[in-house]
Amino acid sequence: MSAPDYDVFATQCPSRETLELVTSRWGTLTLAALAAGDTARFGELRRQIDGISDKMLSQTLKQLVAGGLVSRVEHDSLPQHVEYALTDAGRTVATSVIALVQSIYRTQPTLR
């Protein structure tokens, strides 16, 4: 079976939805935050991503999990907790996201 053809410029292309998520403010910041370590809990991500609400982080994580970029693992310990981590595909995308962020840093005007 050959790989499907993708065309991000086509309205119905599934890659467009992933592009929108990855390049959204919260998608970009969540991927970058997860790239900083092996796993992270919800509260750790919320504290790291300044300004994100619980609702927005929850929605973003659900979308990233559904898109195959993030894995979600529930631990049955007491108290129960959930950990998030980048998948292999997520690591690939996060690498590009971080390169974009670093490019933005390099091109920002110097603050006086």
PDB file of N, CA and C in Angstrom:
ATOM      1  N   MET A   1       0.846  -1.179   0.000  1.00  0.00           N
ATOM      2  CA  MET A   1       0.000   0.000   0.000  1.00  0.00           C
ATOM      3  C   MET A   1       0.891   1.242   0.000  1.00  0.00           C
ATOM      4  N   SER A   2       0.637   2.157  -0.889  1.00  0.00           N
ATOM      5  CA  SER A   2       1.464   3.355  -0.974  1.00  0.00           C
ATOM      6  C   SER A   2       0.955   4.425  -0.010  1.00  0.00           C
ATOM      7  N   ALA A   3       1.834   5.355   0.295  1.00  0.00           N
ATOM      8  CA  ALA A   3       1.474   6.455   1.187  1.00  0.00           C
ATOM      9  C   ALA A   3       0.456   7.355   0.490  1.00  0.00           C
ATOM     10  N   PRO A   4      -0.506   7.883   1.263  1.00  0.00           N
ATOM     11  CA  PRO A   4      -1.497   8.766   0.642  1.00  0.00           C
ATOM     12  C   PRO A   4      -0.864  10.073   0.196  1.00  0.00           C
ATOM     13  N   ASP A   5      -1.461  10.655  -0.816  1.00  0.00           N
ATOM     14  CA  ASP A   5      -1.005  11.969  -1.278  1.00  0.00           C
ATOM     15  C   ASP A   5      -1.695  13.036  -0.446  1.00  0.00           C
ATOM     16  N   TYR A   6      -0.922  13.973   0.059  1.00  0.00           N
ATOM     17  CA  TYR A   6      -1.471  15.065   0.848  1.00  0.00           C
ATOM     18  C   TYR A   6      -1.260  16.369   0.106  1.00  0.00           C
ATOM     19  N   ASP A   7      -2.218  17.266   0.258  1.00  0.00           N
ATOM     20  CA  ASP A   7      -2.129  18.595  -0.334  1.00  0.00           C
ATOM     21  C   ASP A   7      -2.735  19.575   0.661  1.00  0.00           C
ATOM     22  N   VAL A   8      -1.885  20.211   1.460  1.00  0.00           N
ATOM     23  CA  VAL A   8      -2.344  21.108   2.511  1.00  0.00           C
ATOM     24  C   VAL A   8      -3.158  22.276   1.953  1.00  0.00           C
ATOM     25  N   PHE A   9      -3.024  22.546   0.680  1.00  0.00           N
ATOM     26  CA  PHE A   9      -3.775  23.635   0.063  1.00  0.00           C
ATOM     27  C   PHE A   9      -5.206  23.227  -0.285  1.00  0.00           C
ATOM     28  N   ALA A  10      -5.509  21.930  -0.274  1.00  0.00           N
ATOM     29  CA  ALA A  10      -6.855  21.437  -0.570  1.00  0.00           C
ATOM     30  C   ALA A  10      -7.714  21.477   0.692  1.00  0.00           C
ATOM     31  N   THR A  11      -8.913  22.007   0.571  1.00  0.00           N
ATOM     32  CA  THR A  11      -9.804  22.179   1.717  1.00  0.00           C
ATOM     33  C   THR A  11     -10.041  20.893   2.494  1.00  0.00           C
ATOM     34  N   GLN A  12     -10.216  19.796   1.823  1.00  0.00           N
ATOM     35  CA  GLN A  12     -10.564  18.537   2.477  1.00  0.00           C
ATOM     36  C   GLN A  12      -9.361  17.701   2.925  1.00  0.00           C
ATOM     37  N   CYS A  13      -8.163  18.183   2.708  1.00  0.00           N
ATOM     38  CA  CYS A  13      -6.970  17.416   3.078  1.00  0.00           C
ATOM     39  C   CYS A  13      -6.846  17.330   4.600  1.00  0.00           C
ATOM     40  N   PRO A  14      -6.694  16.123   5.145  1.00  0.00           N
ATOM     41  CA  PRO A  14      -6.581  15.985   6.603  1.00  0.00           C
ATOM     42  C   PRO A  14      -5.331  16.655   7.171  1.00  0.00           C
ATOM     43  N   SER A  15      -4.337  16.895   6.343  1.00  0.00           N
ATOM     44  CA  SER A  15      -3.132  17.552   6.847  1.00  0.00           C
ATOM     45  C   SER A  15      -3.410  19.003   7.240  1.00  0.00           C
ATOM     46  N   ARG A  16      -4.437  19.595   6.676  1.00  0.00           N
ATOM     47  CA  ARG A  16      -4.769  20.983   6.995  1.00  0.00           C
ATOM     48  C   ARG A  16      -5.209  21.118   8.449  1.00  0.00           C
ATOM     49  N   GLU A  17      -5.999  20.184   8.932  1.00  0.00           N
ATOM     50  CA  GLU A  17      -6.446  20.200  10.331  1.00  0.00           C
ATOM     51  C   GLU A  17      -5.253  20.080  11.280  1.00  0.00           C
ATOM     52  N   THR A  18      -4.319  19.208  10.945  1.00  0.00           N
ATOM     53  CA  THR A  18      -3.119  19.050  11.770  1.00  0.00           C
ATOM     54  C   THR A  18      -2.286  20.319  11.728  1.00  0.00           C
ATOM     55  N   LEU A  19      -2.143  20.917  10.563  1.00  0.00           N
ATOM     56  CA  LEU A  19      -1.397  22.172  10.432  1.00  0.00           C
ATOM     57  C   LEU A  19      -2.024  23.265  11.296  1.00  0.00           C
ATOM     58  N   GLU A  20      -3.349  23.368  11.270  1.00  0.00           N
ATOM     59  CA  GLU A  20      -4.029  24.378  12.086  1.00  0.00           C
ATOM     60  C   GLU A  20      -3.763  24.171  13.566  1.00  0.00           C
ATOM     61  N   LEU A  21      -3.803  22.933  14.013  1.00  0.00           N
ATOM     62  CA  LEU A  21      -3.556  22.640  15.422  1.00  0.00           C
ATOM     63  C   LEU A  21      -2.113  22.937  15.808  1.00  0.00           C
ATOM     64  N   VAL A  22      -1.184  22.465  15.013  1.00  0.00           N
ATOM     65  CA  VAL A  22       0.242  22.617  15.321  1.00  0.00           C
ATOM     66  C   VAL A  22       0.663  24.080  15.302  1.00  0.00           C
ATOM     67  N   THR A  23       0.070  24.868  14.422  1.00  0.00           N
ATOM     68  CA  THR A  23       0.475  26.267  14.319  1.00  0.00           C
ATOM     69  C   THR A  23      -0.403  27.206  15.151  1.00  0.00           C
ATOM     70  N   SER A  24      -1.370  26.657  15.870  1.00  0.00           N
ATOM     71  CA  SER A  24      -2.140  27.503  16.781  1.00  0.00           C
ATOM     72  C   SER A  24      -1.254  27.859  17.974  1.00  0.00           C
ATOM     73  N   ARG A  25      -1.571  28.949  18.631  1.00  0.00           N
ATOM     74  CA  ARG A  25      -0.755  29.390  19.773  1.00  0.00           C
ATOM     75  C   ARG A  25      -0.619  28.272  20.801  1.00  0.00           C
ATOM     76  N   TRP A  26      -1.725  27.663  21.211  1.00  0.00           N
ATOM     77  CA  TRP A  26      -1.667  26.674  22.289  1.00  0.00           C
ATOM     78  C   TRP A  26      -1.097  25.346  21.801  1.00  0.00           C
ATOM     79  N   GLY A  27      -1.357  24.988  20.554  1.00  0.00           N
ATOM     80  CA  GLY A  27      -0.774  23.764  20.008  1.00  0.00           C
ATOM     81  C   GLY A  27       0.741  23.849  19.950  1.00  0.00           C
ATOM     82  N   THR A  28       1.234  24.979  19.450  1.00  0.00           N
ATOM     83  CA  THR A  28       2.678  25.198  19.357  1.00  0.00           C
ATOM     84  C   THR A  28       3.326  25.162  20.734  1.00  0.00           C
ATOM     85  N   LEU A  29       2.746  25.889  21.679  1.00  0.00           N
ATOM     86  CA  LEU A  29       3.343  25.957  23.021  1.00  0.00           C
ATOM     87  C   LEU A  29       3.267  24.614  23.747  1.00  0.00           C
ATOM     88  N   THR A  30       2.192  23.878  23.546  1.00  0.00           N
ATOM     89  CA  THR A  30       2.057  22.567  24.199  1.00  0.00           C
ATOM     90  C   THR A  30       3.077  21.583  23.634  1.00  0.00           C
ATOM     91  N   LEU A  31       3.241  21.556  22.324  1.00  0.00           N
ATOM     92  CA  LEU A  31       4.256  20.678  21.724  1.00  0.00           C
ATOM     93  C   LEU A  31       5.652  21.047  22.210  1.00  0.00           C
ATOM     94  N   ALA A  32       5.949  22.332  22.256  1.00  0.00           N
ATOM     95  CA  ALA A  32       7.277  22.779  22.713  1.00  0.00           C
ATOM     96  C   ALA A  32       7.486  22.414  24.180  1.00  0.00           C
ATOM     97  N   ALA A  33       6.461  22.565  24.997  1.00  0.00           N
ATOM     98  CA  ALA A  33       6.581  22.216  26.418  1.00  0.00           C
ATOM     99  C   ALA A  33       6.818  20.720  26.588  1.00  0.00           C
ATOM    100  N   LEU A  34       6.116  19.905  25.822  1.00  0.00           N
ATOM    101  CA  LEU A  34       6.302  18.451  25.921  1.00  0.00           C
ATOM    102  C   LEU A  34       7.665  18.018  25.393  1.00  0.00           C
ATOM    103  N   ALA A  35       8.223  18.773  24.470  1.00  0.00           N
ATOM    104  CA  ALA A  35       9.530  18.428  23.917  1.00  0.00           C
ATOM    105  C   ALA A  35      10.644  18.611  24.938  1.00  0.00           C
ATOM    106  N   ALA A  36      10.364  19.359  25.988  1.00  0.00           N
ATOM    107  CA  ALA A  36      11.379  19.650  27.004  1.00  0.00           C
ATOM    108  C   ALA A  36      11.661  18.460  27.924  1.00  0.00           C
ATOM    109  N   GLY A  37      10.809  17.444  27.916  1.00  0.00           N
ATOM    110  CA  GLY A  37      11.022  16.297  28.805  1.00  0.00           C
ATOM    111  C   GLY A  37      10.411  15.033  28.243  1.00  0.00           C
ATOM    112  N   ASP A  38      10.524  13.958  29.024  1.00  0.00           N
ATOM    113  CA  ASP A  38       9.969  12.680  28.572  1.00  0.00           C
ATOM    114  C   ASP A  38       8.449  12.649  28.691  1.00  0.00           C
ATOM    115  N   THR A  39       7.946  13.014  29.867  1.00  0.00           N
ATOM    116  CA  THR A  39       6.508  13.045  30.116  1.00  0.00           C
ATOM    117  C   THR A  39       6.181  14.280  30.938  1.00  0.00           C
ATOM    118  N   ALA A  40       4.909  14.642  30.948  1.00  0.00           N
ATOM    119  CA  ALA A  40       4.460  15.771  31.764  1.00  0.00           C
ATOM    120  C   ALA A  40       3.023  15.523  32.200  1.00  0.00           C
ATOM    121  N   ARG A  41       2.716  15.966  33.384  1.00  0.00           N
ATOM    122  CA  ARG A  41       1.350  15.902  33.875  1.00  0.00           C
ATOM    123  C   ARG A  41       0.646  17.206  33.509  1.00  0.00           C
ATOM    124  N   PHE A  42      -0.675  17.170  33.587  1.00  0.00           N
ATOM    125  CA  PHE A  42      -1.501  18.313  33.197  1.00  0.00           C
ATOM    126  C   PHE A  42      -1.076  19.578  33.945  1.00  0.00           C
ATOM    127  N   GLY A  43      -0.948  19.483  35.250  1.00  0.00           N
ATOM    128  CA  GLY A  43      -0.590  20.648  36.063  1.00  0.00           C
ATOM    129  C   GLY A  43       0.777  21.206  35.719  1.00  0.00           C
ATOM    130  N   GLU A  44       1.707  20.323  35.385  1.00  0.00           N
ATOM    131  CA  GLU A  44       3.045  20.785  34.991  1.00  0.00           C
ATOM    132  C   GLU A  44       2.964  21.598  33.702  1.00  0.00           C
ATOM    133  N   LEU A  45       2.176  21.107  32.754  1.00  0.00           N
ATOM    134  CA  LEU A  45       2.018  21.819  31.485  1.00  0.00           C
ATOM    135  C   LEU A  45       1.314  23.161  31.703  1.00  0.00           C
ATOM    136  N   ARG A  46       0.280  23.163  32.536  1.00  0.00           N
ATOM    137  CA  ARG A  46      -0.452  24.401  32.805  1.00  0.00           C
ATOM    138  C   ARG A  46       0.464  25.457  33.422  1.00  0.00           C
ATOM    139  N   ARG A  47       1.332  25.047  34.333  1.00  0.00           N
ATOM    140  CA  ARG A  47       2.264  26.001  34.954  1.00  0.00           C
ATOM    141  C   ARG A  47       3.328  26.476  33.965  1.00  0.00           C
ATOM    142  N   GLN A  48       3.748  25.605  33.061  1.00  0.00           N
ATOM    143  CA  GLN A  48       4.797  25.967  32.107  1.00  0.00           C
ATOM    144  C   GLN A  48       4.276  26.904  31.015  1.00  0.00           C
ATOM    145  N   ILE A  49       3.025  26.714  30.597  1.00  0.00           N
ATOM    146  CA  ILE A  49       2.459  27.500  29.494  1.00  0.00           C
ATOM    147  C   ILE A  49       1.667  28.653  30.099  1.00  0.00           C
ATOM    148  N   ASP A  50       2.328  29.746  30.299  1.00  0.00           N
ATOM    149  CA  ASP A  50       1.727  30.909  30.944  1.00  0.00           C
ATOM    150  C   ASP A  50       0.523  31.409  30.151  1.00  0.00           C
ATOM    151  N   GLY A  51      -0.592  31.619  30.840  1.00  0.00           N
ATOM    152  CA  GLY A  51      -1.779  32.192  30.212  1.00  0.00           C
ATOM    153  C   GLY A  51      -2.788  31.193  29.686  1.00  0.00           C
ATOM    154  N   ILE A  52      -2.468  29.911  29.637  1.00  0.00           N
ATOM    155  CA  ILE A  52      -3.422  28.923  29.121  1.00  0.00           C
ATOM    156  C   ILE A  52      -4.406  28.552  30.230  1.00  0.00           C
ATOM    157  N   SER A  53      -5.672  28.450  29.881  1.00  0.00           N
ATOM    158  CA  SER A  53      -6.687  28.041  30.850  1.00  0.00           C
ATOM    159  C   SER A  53      -6.744  26.509  30.902  1.00  0.00           C
ATOM    160  N   ASP A  54      -7.311  25.988  31.974  1.00  0.00           N
ATOM    161  CA  ASP A  54      -7.493  24.539  32.086  1.00  0.00           C
ATOM    162  C   ASP A  54      -8.294  24.007  30.895  1.00  0.00           C
ATOM    163  N   LYS A  55      -9.356  24.726  30.537  1.00  0.00           N
ATOM    164  CA  LYS A  55     -10.212  24.299  29.430  1.00  0.00           C
ATOM    165  C   LYS A  55      -9.432  24.256  28.117  1.00  0.00           C
ATOM    166  N   MET A  56      -8.649  25.289  27.848  1.00  0.00           N
ATOM    167  CA  MET A  56      -7.900  25.341  26.589  1.00  0.00           C
ATOM    168  C   MET A  56      -6.819  24.270  26.543  1.00  0.00           C
ATOM    169  N   LEU A  57      -6.132  24.057  27.660  1.00  0.00           N
ATOM    170  CA  LEU A  57      -5.106  23.011  27.699  1.00  0.00           C
ATOM    171  C   LEU A  57      -5.740  21.645  27.493  1.00  0.00           C
ATOM    172  N   SER A  58      -6.873  21.411  28.145  1.00  0.00           N
ATOM    173  CA  SER A  58      -7.563  20.134  27.992  1.00  0.00           C
ATOM    174  C   SER A  58      -7.972  19.905  26.537  1.00  0.00           C
ATOM    175  N   GLN A  59      -8.550  20.926  25.895  1.00  0.00           N
ATOM    176  CA  GLN A  59      -8.958  20.807  24.488  1.00  0.00           C
ATOM    177  C   GLN A  59      -7.749  20.566  23.579  1.00  0.00           C
ATOM    178  N   THR A  60      -6.680  21.302  23.833  1.00  0.00           N
ATOM    179  CA  THR A  60      -5.476  21.178  22.998  1.00  0.00           C
ATOM    180  C   THR A  60      -4.882  19.786  23.129  1.00  0.00           C
ATOM    181  N   LEU A  61      -4.778  19.292  24.363  1.00  0.00           N
ATOM    182  CA  LEU A  61      -4.234  17.946  24.567  1.00  0.00           C
ATOM    183  C   LEU A  61      -5.107  16.888  23.902  1.00  0.00           C
ATOM    184  N   LYS A  62      -6.421  17.018  24.011  1.00  0.00           N
ATOM    185  CA  LYS A  62      -7.327  16.056  23.363  1.00  0.00           C
ATOM    186  C   LYS A  62      -7.115  16.049  21.856  1.00  0.00           C
ATOM    187  N   GLN A  63      -6.959  17.240  21.265  1.00  0.00           N
ATOM    188  CA  GLN A  63      -6.745  17.325  19.823  1.00  0.00           C
ATOM    189  C   GLN A  63      -5.388  16.746  19.422  1.00  0.00           C
ATOM    190  N   LEU A  64      -4.368  17.009  20.216  1.00  0.00           N
ATOM    191  CA  LEU A  64      -3.037  16.477  19.913  1.00  0.00           C
ATOM    192  C   LEU A  64      -3.010  14.958  20.050  1.00  0.00           C
ATOM    193  N   VAL A  65      -3.737  14.427  21.029  1.00  0.00           N
ATOM    194  CA  VAL A  65      -3.843  12.971  21.193  1.00  0.00           C
ATOM    195  C   VAL A  65      -4.595  12.385  19.996  1.00  0.00           C
ATOM    196  N   ALA A  66      -5.724  13.000  19.642  1.00  0.00           N
ATOM    197  CA  ALA A  66      -6.518  12.510  18.507  1.00  0.00           C
ATOM    198  C   ALA A  66      -5.729  12.568  17.200  1.00  0.00           C
ATOM    199  N   GLY A  67      -4.852  13.562  17.076  1.00  0.00           N
ATOM    200  CA  GLY A  67      -4.033  13.702  15.880  1.00  0.00           C
ATOM    201  C   GLY A  67      -2.809  12.809  15.859  1.00  0.00           C
ATOM    202  N   GLY A  68      -2.597  12.042  16.930  1.00  0.00           N
ATOM    203  CA  GLY A  68      -1.471  11.112  16.977  1.00  0.00           C
ATOM    204  C   GLY A  68      -0.137  11.747  17.309  1.00  0.00           C
ATOM    205  N   LEU A  69      -0.152  13.001  17.787  1.00  0.00           N
ATOM    206  CA  LEU A  69       1.101  13.681  18.107  1.00  0.00           C
ATOM    207  C   LEU A  69       1.496  13.540  19.572  1.00  0.00           C
ATOM    208  N   VAL A  70       0.523  13.235  20.420  1.00  0.00           N
ATOM    209  CA  VAL A  70       0.749  13.106  21.863  1.00  0.00           C
ATOM    210  C   VAL A  70       0.083  11.833  22.345  1.00  0.00           C
ATOM    211  N   SER A  71       0.747  11.156  23.279  1.00  0.00           N
ATOM    212  CA  SER A  71       0.143   9.985  23.922  1.00  0.00           C
ATOM    213  C   SER A  71      -0.337  10.378  25.317  1.00  0.00           C
ATOM    214  N   ARG A  72      -1.372   9.724  25.772  1.00  0.00           N
ATOM    215  CA  ARG A  72      -1.956   9.970  27.088  1.00  0.00           C
ATOM    216  C   ARG A  72      -1.985   8.648  27.837  1.00  0.00           C
ATOM    217  N   VAL A  73      -1.327   8.605  28.989  1.00  0.00           N
ATOM    218  CA  VAL A  73      -1.269   7.374  29.779  1.00  0.00           C
ATOM    219  C   VAL A  73      -1.851   7.638  31.160  1.00  0.00           C
ATOM    220  N   GLU A  74      -2.892   6.867  31.521  1.00  0.00           N
ATOM    221  CA  GLU A  74      -3.501   6.960  32.844  1.00  0.00           C
ATOM    222  C   GLU A  74      -2.808   5.968  33.762  1.00  0.00           C
ATOM    223  N   HIS A  75      -2.405   6.444  34.942  1.00  0.00           N
ATOM    224  CA  HIS A  75      -1.783   5.587  35.948  1.00  0.00           C
ATOM    225  C   HIS A  75      -2.798   5.326  37.053  1.00  0.00           C
ATOM    226  N   ASP A  76      -2.931   4.064  37.448  1.00  0.00           N
ATOM    227  CA  ASP A  76      -3.916   3.676  38.453  1.00  0.00           C
ATOM    228  C   ASP A  76      -3.408   3.809  39.874  1.00  0.00           C
ATOM    229  N   SER A  77      -2.427   4.646  40.082  1.00  0.00           N
ATOM    230  CA  SER A  77      -1.891   4.848  41.424  1.00  0.00           C
ATOM    231  C   SER A  77      -2.842   5.740  42.222  1.00  0.00           C
ATOM    232  N   LEU A  78      -2.594   5.837  43.485  1.00  0.00           N
ATOM    233  CA  LEU A  78      -3.370   6.739  44.336  1.00  0.00           C
ATOM    234  C   LEU A  78      -2.507   7.918  44.719  1.00  0.00           C
ATOM    235  N   PRO A  79      -2.834   9.118  44.444  1.00  0.00           N
ATOM    236  CA  PRO A  79      -3.992   9.450  43.610  1.00  0.00           C
ATOM    237  C   PRO A  79      -3.718   9.142  42.143  1.00  0.00           C
ATOM    238  N   GLN A  80      -4.804   8.884  41.410  1.00  0.00           N
ATOM    239  CA  GLN A  80      -4.677   8.582  39.987  1.00  0.00           C
ATOM    240  C   GLN A  80      -4.125   9.806  39.257  1.00  0.00           C
ATOM    241  N   HIS A  81      -3.251   9.578  38.297  1.00  0.00           N
ATOM    242  CA  HIS A  81      -2.751  10.689  37.502  1.00  0.00           C
ATOM    243  C   HIS A  81      -2.551  10.275  36.053  1.00  0.00           C
ATOM    244  N   VAL A  82      -2.457  11.288  35.204  1.00  0.00           N
ATOM    245  CA  VAL A  82      -2.312  11.099  33.765  1.00  0.00           C
ATOM    246  C   VAL A  82      -1.018  11.770  33.327  1.00  0.00           C
ATOM    247  N   GLU A  83      -0.293  11.103  32.450  1.00  0.00           N
ATOM    248  CA  GLU A  83       0.927  11.680  31.893  1.00  0.00           C
ATOM    249  C   GLU A  83       0.786  11.787  30.379  1.00  0.00           C
ATOM    250  N   TYR A  84       1.360  12.856  29.842  1.00  0.00           N
ATOM    251  CA  TYR A  84       1.355  13.109  28.407  1.00  0.00           C
ATOM    252  C   TYR A  84       2.788  13.070  27.901  1.00  0.00           C
ATOM    253  N   ALA A  85       2.955  12.587  26.681  1.00  0.00           N
ATOM    254  CA  ALA A  85       4.279  12.534  26.065  1.00  0.00           C
ATOM    255  C   ALA A  85       4.116  12.645  24.559  1.00  0.00           C
ATOM    256  N   LEU A  86       5.152  13.109  23.906  1.00  0.00           N
ATOM    257  CA  LEU A  86       5.141  13.160  22.453  1.00  0.00           C
ATOM    258  C   LEU A  86       5.259  11.756  21.879  1.00  0.00           C
ATOM    259  N   THR A  87       4.534  11.479  20.822  1.00  0.00           N
ATOM    260  CA  THR A  87       4.716  10.247  20.063  1.00  0.00           C
ATOM    261  C   THR A  87       5.908  10.472  19.121  1.00  0.00           C
ATOM    262  N   ASP A  88       6.281   9.459  18.369  1.00  0.00           N
ATOM    263  CA  ASP A  88       7.354   9.641  17.388  1.00  0.00           C
ATOM    264  C   ASP A  88       6.984  10.742  16.393  1.00  0.00           C
ATOM    265  N   ALA A  89       5.741  10.721  15.926  1.00  0.00           N
ATOM    266  CA  ALA A  89       5.295  11.766  14.998  1.00  0.00           C
ATOM    267  C   ALA A  89       5.311  13.130  15.688  1.00  0.00           C
ATOM    268  N   GLY A  90       4.901  13.158  16.945  1.00  0.00           N
ATOM    269  CA  GLY A  90       4.909  14.402  17.710  1.00  0.00           C
ATOM    270  C   GLY A  90       6.302  14.966  17.891  1.00  0.00           C
ATOM    271  N   ARG A  91       7.273  14.078  18.103  1.00  0.00           N
ATOM    272  CA  ARG A  91       8.663  14.537  18.237  1.00  0.00           C
ATOM    273  C   ARG A  91       9.161  15.151  16.934  1.00  0.00           C
ATOM    274  N   THR A  92       8.793  14.548  15.830  1.00  0.00           N
ATOM    275  CA  THR A  92       9.186  15.085  14.524  1.00  0.00           C
ATOM    276  C   THR A  92       8.608  16.478  14.325  1.00  0.00           C
ATOM    277  N   VAL A  93       7.325  16.622  14.600  1.00  0.00           N
ATOM    278  CA  VAL A  93       6.670  17.920  14.436  1.00  0.00           C
ATOM    279  C   VAL A  93       7.201  18.931  15.452  1.00  0.00           C
ATOM    280  N   ALA A  94       7.392  18.506  16.702  1.00  0.00           N
ATOM    281  CA  ALA A  94       7.889  19.408  17.747  1.00  0.00           C
ATOM    282  C   ALA A  94       9.271  19.953  17.406  1.00  0.00           C
ATOM    283  N   THR A  95      10.093  19.144  16.771  1.00  0.00           N
ATOM    284  CA  THR A  95      11.420  19.608  16.355  1.00  0.00           C
ATOM    285  C   THR A  95      11.290  20.796  15.402  1.00  0.00           C
ATOM    286  N   SER A  96      10.358  20.700  14.475  1.00  0.00           N
ATOM    287  CA  SER A  96      10.128  21.812  13.536  1.00  0.00           C
ATOM    288  C   SER A  96       9.513  23.011  14.236  1.00  0.00           C
ATOM    289  N   VAL A  97       8.615  22.771  15.170  1.00  0.00           N
ATOM    290  CA  VAL A  97       7.999  23.865  15.931  1.00  0.00           C
ATOM    291  C   VAL A  97       9.059  24.623  16.715  1.00  0.00           C
ATOM    292  N   ILE A  98       9.951  23.901  17.363  1.00  0.00           N
ATOM    293  CA  ILE A  98      11.015  24.531  18.147  1.00  0.00           C
ATOM    294  C   ILE A  98      11.956  25.309  17.229  1.00  0.00           C
ATOM    295  N   ALA A  99      12.246  24.766  16.052  1.00  0.00           N
ATOM    296  CA  ALA A  99      13.082  25.506  15.086  1.00  0.00           C
ATOM    297  C   ALA A  99      12.392  26.799  14.671  1.00  0.00           C
ATOM    298  N   LEU A 100      11.077  26.768  14.491  1.00  0.00           N
ATOM    299  CA  LEU A 100      10.328  27.972  14.154  1.00  0.00           C
ATOM    300  C   LEU A 100      10.415  28.994  15.290  1.00  0.00           C
ATOM    301  N   VAL A 101      10.212  28.544  16.516  1.00  0.00           N
ATOM    302  CA  VAL A 101      10.296  29.443  17.677  1.00  0.00           C
ATOM    303  C   VAL A 101      11.689  30.064  17.766  1.00  0.00           C
ATOM    304  N   GLN A 102      12.713  29.267  17.564  1.00  0.00           N
ATOM    305  CA  GLN A 102      14.080  29.791  17.616  1.00  0.00           C
ATOM    306  C   GLN A 102      14.336  30.795  16.497  1.00  0.00           C
ATOM    307  N   SER A 103      13.755  30.568  15.334  1.00  0.00           N
ATOM    308  CA  SER A 103      13.875  31.533  14.231  1.00  0.00           C
ATOM    309  C   SER A 103      13.201  32.848  14.603  1.00  0.00           C
ATOM    310  N   ILE A 104      12.068  32.755  15.252  1.00  0.00           N
ATOM    311  CA  ILE A 104      11.363  33.965  15.699  1.00  0.00           C
ATOM    312  C   ILE A 104      12.220  34.717  16.704  1.00  0.00           C
ATOM    313  N   TYR A 105      12.825  33.998  17.649  1.00  0.00           N
ATOM    314  CA  TYR A 105      13.715  34.649  18.623  1.00  0.00           C
ATOM    315  C   TYR A 105      14.833  35.406  17.917  1.00  0.00           C
ATOM    316  N   ARG A 106      15.437  34.768  16.916  1.00  0.00           N
ATOM    317  CA  ARG A 106      16.577  35.370  16.218  1.00  0.00           C
ATOM    318  C   ARG A 106      16.196  36.607  15.415  1.00  0.00           C
ATOM    319  N   THR A 107      14.948  36.689  14.988  1.00  0.00           N
ATOM    320  CA  THR A 107      14.555  37.804  14.133  1.00  0.00           C
ATOM    321  C   THR A 107      13.815  38.918  14.873  1.00  0.00           C
ATOM    322  N   GLN A 108      13.640  38.750  16.164  1.00  0.00           N
ATOM    323  CA  GLN A 108      12.989  39.800  16.956  1.00  0.00           C
ATOM    324  C   GLN A 108      13.902  40.998  17.099  1.00  0.00           C
ATOM    325  N   PRO A 109      13.322  42.195  17.079  1.00  0.00           N
ATOM    326  CA  PRO A 109      14.161  43.374  17.300  1.00  0.00           C
ATOM    327  C   PRO A 109      14.725  43.352  18.717  1.00  0.00           C
ATOM    328  N   THR A 110      15.880  43.934  18.878  1.00  0.00           N
ATOM    329  CA  THR A 110      16.527  44.000  20.182  1.00  0.00           C
ATOM    330  C   THR A 110      15.729  44.939  21.077  1.00  0.00           C
ATOM    331  N   LEU A 111      15.443  44.465  22.287  1.00  0.00           N
ATOM    332  CA  LEU A 111      14.741  45.303  23.255  1.00  0.00           C
ATOM    333  C   LEU A 111      15.689  46.291  23.876  1.00  0.00           C
ATOM    334  N   ARG A 112      15.240  47.478  24.094  1.00  0.00           N
ATOM    335  CA  ARG A 112      16.120  48.493  24.701  1.00  0.00           C
ATOM    336  C   ARG A 112      15.705  48.745  26.106  1.00  0.00           C
TER     337      ARG A 112
END
